[in-house]
């Protein structure tokens, strides 16, 4: 779960395990795009999920916060690169704050081998 500044809300142990990082680490307050080594991925992620205040479409975006997905590369422990598909959905928390529910799936564009 991310807040309106795209910061991770809680410890995110599943993300730590996914990126094979120290499970004792607390990612609360860390932005997800900090794990993206590719500048183009960071820019696209921020554009899709947090439009700037100068963007004319901001009000439209706030009204039409549709779920979506995008492909990015994340960097885990030992500088390993993992291609992922990020699924996201906007919602309001019980205290009325804008939140973002994010799911990750390892992504490969290789075809699955079929048994002979």
N, C-alpha and C. Protein backbone atom coordinates (compact mmCIF):
# COMPACT_ATOMS: atom_id res chain seq x y z
N UNK A 1 0.85 -1.18 0.00
CA UNK A 1 0.00 0.00 0.00
C UNK A 1 0.90 1.24 0.00
N UNK A 2 0.55 2.20 -0.87
CA UNK A 2 1.30 3.45 -0.97
C UNK A 2 0.40 4.62 -0.61
N UNK A 3 1.01 5.68 -0.08
CA UNK A 3 0.24 6.89 0.20
C UNK A 3 0.23 7.78 -1.03
N UNK A 4 -0.33 8.98 -0.91
CA UNK A 4 -0.46 9.87 -2.06
C UNK A 4 0.89 10.39 -2.57
N UNK A 5 1.95 10.27 -1.75
CA UNK A 5 3.30 10.64 -2.18
C UNK A 5 4.07 9.44 -2.73
N UNK A 6 3.35 8.33 -2.95
CA UNK A 6 3.92 7.07 -3.45
C UNK A 6 4.91 6.44 -2.47
N UNK A 7 4.75 6.73 -1.18
CA UNK A 7 5.60 6.12 -0.16
C UNK A 7 4.91 4.88 0.40
N UNK A 8 5.72 3.88 0.68
CA UNK A 8 5.21 2.63 1.26
C UNK A 8 4.70 2.92 2.66
N UNK A 9 3.48 2.45 2.96
CA UNK A 9 2.82 2.74 4.23
C UNK A 9 3.41 1.94 5.39
N UNK A 10 3.63 0.66 5.20
CA UNK A 10 4.08 -0.21 6.30
C UNK A 10 5.39 -0.90 5.93
N UNK A 11 5.79 -1.86 6.72
CA UNK A 11 7.07 -2.53 6.56
C UNK A 11 7.31 -3.22 5.24
N UNK A 12 6.28 -3.73 4.58
CA UNK A 12 6.36 -4.35 3.25
C UNK A 12 7.26 -5.59 3.22
N UNK A 13 7.02 -6.51 4.15
CA UNK A 13 7.83 -7.73 4.21
C UNK A 13 7.74 -8.56 2.93
N UNK A 14 6.59 -8.57 2.27
CA UNK A 14 6.46 -9.34 1.03
C UNK A 14 7.35 -8.76 -0.06
N UNK A 15 7.45 -7.44 -0.13
CA UNK A 15 8.33 -6.81 -1.11
C UNK A 15 9.79 -7.14 -0.80
N UNK A 16 10.15 -7.11 0.48
CA UNK A 16 11.52 -7.46 0.88
C UNK A 16 11.84 -8.89 0.46
N UNK A 17 10.92 -9.81 0.67
CA UNK A 17 11.15 -11.21 0.29
C UNK A 17 11.24 -11.33 -1.23
N UNK A 18 10.38 -10.63 -1.95
CA UNK A 18 10.37 -10.67 -3.41
C UNK A 18 11.71 -10.21 -3.98
N UNK A 19 12.30 -9.18 -3.36
CA UNK A 19 13.57 -8.64 -3.83
C UNK A 19 14.76 -9.25 -3.10
N UNK A 20 14.52 -10.31 -2.34
CA UNK A 20 15.53 -11.03 -1.54
C UNK A 20 16.38 -10.07 -0.71
N UNK A 21 15.71 -9.20 0.03
CA UNK A 21 16.38 -8.24 0.90
C UNK A 21 16.20 -8.65 2.36
N UNK A 22 16.92 -8.02 3.24
CA UNK A 22 16.88 -8.31 4.67
C UNK A 22 15.46 -8.14 5.20
N UNK A 23 14.85 -9.22 5.73
CA UNK A 23 13.46 -9.14 6.20
C UNK A 23 13.28 -8.25 7.43
N UNK A 24 14.36 -7.90 8.11
CA UNK A 24 14.27 -7.04 9.30
C UNK A 24 14.18 -5.56 8.90
N UNK A 25 14.46 -5.27 7.66
CA UNK A 25 14.42 -3.89 7.17
C UNK A 25 12.97 -3.39 7.13
N UNK A 26 12.76 -2.14 7.47
CA UNK A 26 11.43 -1.54 7.41
C UNK A 26 11.40 -0.56 6.23
N UNK A 27 10.53 -0.80 5.27
CA UNK A 27 10.44 0.05 4.09
C UNK A 27 9.41 1.17 4.24
N UNK A 28 8.78 1.28 5.40
CA UNK A 28 7.81 2.34 5.62
C UNK A 28 8.42 3.71 5.33
N UNK A 29 7.75 4.52 4.51
CA UNK A 29 8.25 5.83 4.14
C UNK A 29 9.16 5.84 2.92
N UNK A 30 9.53 4.67 2.43
CA UNK A 30 10.36 4.56 1.23
C UNK A 30 9.46 4.62 0.01
N UNK A 31 9.92 5.24 -1.04
CA UNK A 31 9.14 5.25 -2.27
C UNK A 31 9.47 4.02 -3.11
N UNK A 32 8.47 3.48 -3.76
CA UNK A 32 8.68 2.28 -4.57
C UNK A 32 9.64 2.55 -5.72
N UNK A 33 9.58 3.76 -6.29
CA UNK A 33 10.44 4.04 -7.44
C UNK A 33 11.92 4.14 -7.06
N UNK A 34 12.25 4.13 -5.77
CA UNK A 34 13.66 4.08 -5.36
C UNK A 34 14.31 2.75 -5.77
N UNK A 35 13.48 1.75 -6.00
CA UNK A 35 14.00 0.44 -6.40
C UNK A 35 14.07 0.29 -7.92
N UNK A 36 13.77 1.36 -8.64
CA UNK A 36 13.79 1.32 -10.11
C UNK A 36 15.07 1.95 -10.63
N UNK A 37 15.99 1.15 -11.18
CA UNK A 37 17.25 1.71 -11.67
C UNK A 37 17.11 2.47 -12.99
N UNK A 38 16.07 2.17 -13.74
CA UNK A 38 15.87 2.78 -15.05
C UNK A 38 15.10 4.10 -14.88
N UNK A 39 15.70 5.21 -15.32
CA UNK A 39 15.08 6.53 -15.18
C UNK A 39 13.74 6.59 -15.91
N UNK A 40 13.66 5.99 -17.08
CA UNK A 40 12.40 6.00 -17.83
C UNK A 40 11.28 5.29 -17.05
N UNK A 41 11.60 4.20 -16.34
CA UNK A 41 10.62 3.51 -15.51
C UNK A 41 10.12 4.43 -14.39
N UNK A 42 11.06 5.13 -13.73
CA UNK A 42 10.69 6.04 -12.65
C UNK A 42 9.76 7.14 -13.15
N UNK A 43 10.10 7.72 -14.28
CA UNK A 43 9.30 8.81 -14.83
C UNK A 43 7.90 8.32 -15.18
N UNK A 44 7.80 7.18 -15.86
CA UNK A 44 6.50 6.63 -16.25
C UNK A 44 5.66 6.28 -15.02
N UNK A 45 6.30 5.67 -14.02
CA UNK A 45 5.63 5.31 -12.78
C UNK A 45 5.03 6.55 -12.11
N UNK A 46 5.83 7.60 -11.98
CA UNK A 46 5.36 8.84 -11.34
C UNK A 46 4.27 9.52 -12.17
N UNK A 47 4.43 9.53 -13.49
CA UNK A 47 3.43 10.16 -14.34
C UNK A 47 2.07 9.47 -14.25
N UNK A 48 2.09 8.14 -14.21
CA UNK A 48 0.84 7.39 -14.15
C UNK A 48 0.17 7.46 -12.79
N UNK A 49 0.97 7.45 -11.73
CA UNK A 49 0.40 7.30 -10.39
C UNK A 49 0.34 8.58 -9.57
N UNK A 50 1.10 9.60 -9.96
CA UNK A 50 1.07 10.86 -9.21
C UNK A 50 1.27 12.02 -10.16
N UNK A 51 0.25 12.40 -10.91
CA UNK A 51 0.42 13.51 -11.84
C UNK A 51 0.78 14.79 -11.10
N UNK A 52 1.60 15.62 -11.72
CA UNK A 52 2.05 16.86 -11.08
C UNK A 52 0.89 17.83 -10.92
N UNK A 53 1.05 18.75 -9.98
CA UNK A 53 0.01 19.75 -9.72
C UNK A 53 -0.16 20.69 -10.90
N UNK A 54 0.83 20.78 -11.77
CA UNK A 54 0.74 21.65 -12.94
C UNK A 54 0.02 21.01 -14.11
N UNK A 55 -0.26 19.73 -13.99
CA UNK A 55 -0.90 18.99 -15.07
C UNK A 55 -2.38 19.38 -15.14
N UNK A 56 -2.84 19.79 -16.32
CA UNK A 56 -4.24 20.18 -16.50
C UNK A 56 -5.20 19.02 -16.25
N UNK A 57 -4.71 17.81 -16.39
CA UNK A 57 -5.58 16.64 -16.26
C UNK A 57 -5.66 16.13 -14.83
N UNK A 58 -5.05 16.85 -13.86
CA UNK A 58 -5.02 16.36 -12.48
C UNK A 58 -6.43 16.14 -11.93
N UNK A 59 -7.30 17.12 -12.07
CA UNK A 59 -8.66 16.97 -11.54
C UNK A 59 -9.38 15.82 -12.21
N UNK A 60 -9.21 15.70 -13.51
CA UNK A 60 -9.79 14.59 -14.25
C UNK A 60 -9.24 13.27 -13.73
N UNK A 61 -7.95 13.25 -13.50
CA UNK A 61 -7.28 12.04 -13.02
C UNK A 61 -7.82 11.64 -11.64
N UNK A 62 -8.00 12.63 -10.76
CA UNK A 62 -8.51 12.35 -9.42
C UNK A 62 -9.91 11.76 -9.48
N UNK A 63 -10.71 12.24 -10.43
CA UNK A 63 -12.07 11.75 -10.55
C UNK A 63 -12.13 10.37 -11.20
N UNK A 64 -11.18 10.07 -12.06
CA UNK A 64 -11.20 8.83 -12.84
C UNK A 64 -10.01 7.93 -12.53
N UNK A 65 -9.74 7.73 -11.28
CA UNK A 65 -8.59 6.91 -10.89
C UNK A 65 -8.88 5.44 -11.16
N UNK A 66 -8.55 5.05 -12.37
CA UNK A 66 -8.80 3.68 -12.79
C UNK A 66 -7.63 2.78 -12.44
N UNK A 67 -7.88 1.51 -12.17
CA UNK A 67 -6.78 0.57 -11.95
C UNK A 67 -5.98 0.40 -13.24
N UNK A 68 -4.77 -0.05 -13.10
CA UNK A 68 -3.95 -0.25 -14.28
C UNK A 68 -2.75 -1.13 -14.00
N UNK A 69 -1.88 -1.22 -14.99
CA UNK A 69 -0.67 -2.03 -14.87
C UNK A 69 0.43 -1.41 -15.72
N UNK A 70 1.66 -1.65 -15.34
CA UNK A 70 2.79 -1.23 -16.14
C UNK A 70 3.97 -2.16 -15.87
N UNK A 71 4.89 -2.21 -16.82
CA UNK A 71 6.09 -3.02 -16.69
C UNK A 71 7.27 -2.14 -16.31
N UNK A 72 8.02 -2.57 -15.29
CA UNK A 72 9.23 -1.86 -14.87
C UNK A 72 10.27 -2.90 -14.47
N UNK A 73 11.48 -2.43 -14.24
CA UNK A 73 12.54 -3.27 -13.70
C UNK A 73 12.86 -2.77 -12.30
N UNK A 74 12.91 -3.69 -11.34
CA UNK A 74 13.28 -3.36 -9.97
C UNK A 74 14.66 -3.92 -9.67
N UNK A 75 15.36 -3.26 -8.76
CA UNK A 75 16.68 -3.74 -8.35
C UNK A 75 16.59 -4.26 -6.94
N UNK A 76 17.00 -5.52 -6.75
CA UNK A 76 16.96 -6.15 -5.45
C UNK A 76 18.33 -6.23 -4.82
N UNK A 77 18.48 -7.19 -3.92
CA UNK A 77 19.77 -7.36 -3.25
C UNK A 77 20.83 -7.80 -4.26
N UNK A 78 22.07 -7.50 -3.95
CA UNK A 78 23.20 -7.83 -4.82
C UNK A 78 23.01 -7.30 -6.24
N UNK A 79 22.28 -6.19 -6.35
CA UNK A 79 22.05 -5.52 -7.64
C UNK A 79 21.37 -6.40 -8.68
N UNK A 80 20.63 -7.41 -8.22
CA UNK A 80 19.90 -8.24 -9.18
C UNK A 80 18.75 -7.44 -9.76
N UNK A 81 18.51 -7.58 -11.04
CA UNK A 81 17.43 -6.88 -11.73
C UNK A 81 16.27 -7.84 -11.95
N UNK A 82 15.08 -7.40 -11.62
CA UNK A 82 13.88 -8.22 -11.74
C UNK A 82 12.87 -7.45 -12.56
N UNK A 83 12.46 -8.01 -13.70
CA UNK A 83 11.40 -7.40 -14.49
C UNK A 83 10.08 -7.76 -13.84
N UNK A 84 9.25 -6.73 -13.60
CA UNK A 84 7.97 -6.98 -12.94
C UNK A 84 6.85 -6.27 -13.67
N UNK A 85 5.68 -6.77 -13.44
CA UNK A 85 4.45 -6.11 -13.85
C UNK A 85 3.82 -5.57 -12.57
N UNK A 86 3.57 -4.27 -12.54
CA UNK A 86 2.95 -3.64 -11.37
C UNK A 86 1.48 -3.43 -11.67
N UNK A 87 0.65 -3.97 -10.79
CA UNK A 87 -0.79 -3.75 -10.87
C UNK A 87 -1.13 -2.74 -9.78
N UNK A 88 -2.00 -1.79 -10.08
CA UNK A 88 -2.33 -0.80 -9.07
C UNK A 88 -3.81 -0.43 -9.13
N UNK A 89 -4.31 -0.03 -7.96
CA UNK A 89 -5.70 0.43 -7.85
C UNK A 89 -5.74 1.52 -6.79
N UNK A 90 -6.45 2.59 -7.09
CA UNK A 90 -6.60 3.70 -6.17
C UNK A 90 -7.80 3.46 -5.26
N UNK A 91 -7.69 3.93 -4.01
CA UNK A 91 -8.82 3.84 -3.09
C UNK A 91 -8.65 4.88 -1.99
N UNK A 92 -9.68 5.10 -1.20
CA UNK A 92 -9.61 5.99 -0.06
C UNK A 92 -9.60 5.14 1.20
N UNK A 93 -8.66 5.47 2.11
CA UNK A 93 -8.60 4.74 3.37
C UNK A 93 -9.78 5.16 4.25
N UNK A 94 -9.95 4.48 5.38
CA UNK A 94 -11.07 4.78 6.27
C UNK A 94 -10.99 6.20 6.82
N UNK A 95 -9.78 6.78 6.85
CA UNK A 95 -9.65 8.16 7.33
C UNK A 95 -9.70 9.18 6.18
N UNK A 96 -10.11 8.72 4.98
CA UNK A 96 -10.32 9.61 3.85
C UNK A 96 -9.08 9.95 3.04
N UNK A 97 -7.95 9.34 3.36
CA UNK A 97 -6.71 9.61 2.64
C UNK A 97 -6.66 8.82 1.33
N UNK A 98 -6.08 9.44 0.30
CA UNK A 98 -5.89 8.74 -0.98
C UNK A 98 -4.79 7.70 -0.80
N UNK A 99 -5.06 6.50 -1.24
CA UNK A 99 -4.10 5.40 -1.13
C UNK A 99 -4.02 4.67 -2.46
N UNK A 100 -3.00 3.85 -2.57
CA UNK A 100 -2.76 3.09 -3.78
C UNK A 100 -2.40 1.67 -3.38
N UNK A 101 -3.18 0.71 -3.82
CA UNK A 101 -2.88 -0.69 -3.57
C UNK A 101 -2.07 -1.19 -4.75
N UNK A 102 -0.90 -1.77 -4.47
CA UNK A 102 0.03 -2.17 -5.52
C UNK A 102 0.34 -3.66 -5.37
N UNK A 103 0.32 -4.36 -6.49
CA UNK A 103 0.71 -5.76 -6.53
C UNK A 103 1.81 -5.93 -7.56
N UNK A 104 2.70 -6.88 -7.32
CA UNK A 104 3.81 -7.14 -8.23
C UNK A 104 3.77 -8.58 -8.71
N UNK A 105 4.17 -8.76 -9.96
CA UNK A 105 4.30 -10.10 -10.52
C UNK A 105 5.56 -10.10 -11.36
N UNK A 106 6.41 -11.11 -11.12
CA UNK A 106 7.61 -11.21 -11.95
C UNK A 106 7.16 -11.40 -13.39
N UNK A 107 7.81 -10.71 -14.29
CA UNK A 107 7.40 -10.69 -15.69
C UNK A 107 8.54 -11.18 -16.56
N UNK A 108 8.19 -12.02 -17.50
CA UNK A 108 9.16 -12.44 -18.51
C UNK A 108 8.47 -12.41 -19.86
N UNK A 109 9.18 -11.96 -20.85
CA UNK A 109 8.59 -11.96 -22.19
C UNK A 109 9.01 -13.17 -22.98
N UNK A 110 9.68 -14.12 -22.30
CA UNK A 110 10.04 -15.39 -22.93
C UNK A 110 8.83 -16.29 -22.99
N UNK A 111 8.73 -17.06 -24.05
CA UNK A 111 7.63 -18.00 -24.16
C UNK A 111 7.87 -19.19 -23.22
N UNK A 112 6.79 -19.69 -22.68
CA UNK A 112 6.88 -20.86 -21.81
C UNK A 112 7.14 -22.08 -22.70
N UNK A 113 8.10 -22.89 -22.27
CA UNK A 113 8.41 -24.11 -23.03
C UNK A 113 7.31 -25.14 -22.84
N UNK A 114 6.96 -25.79 -23.89
CA UNK A 114 5.95 -26.83 -23.85
C UNK A 114 6.65 -28.20 -23.75
N UNK A 115 6.09 -29.13 -22.98
CA UNK A 115 6.69 -30.46 -22.90
C UNK A 115 6.63 -31.16 -24.25
N UNK A 116 7.62 -31.99 -24.50
CA UNK A 116 7.65 -32.73 -25.78
C UNK A 116 6.71 -33.90 -25.78
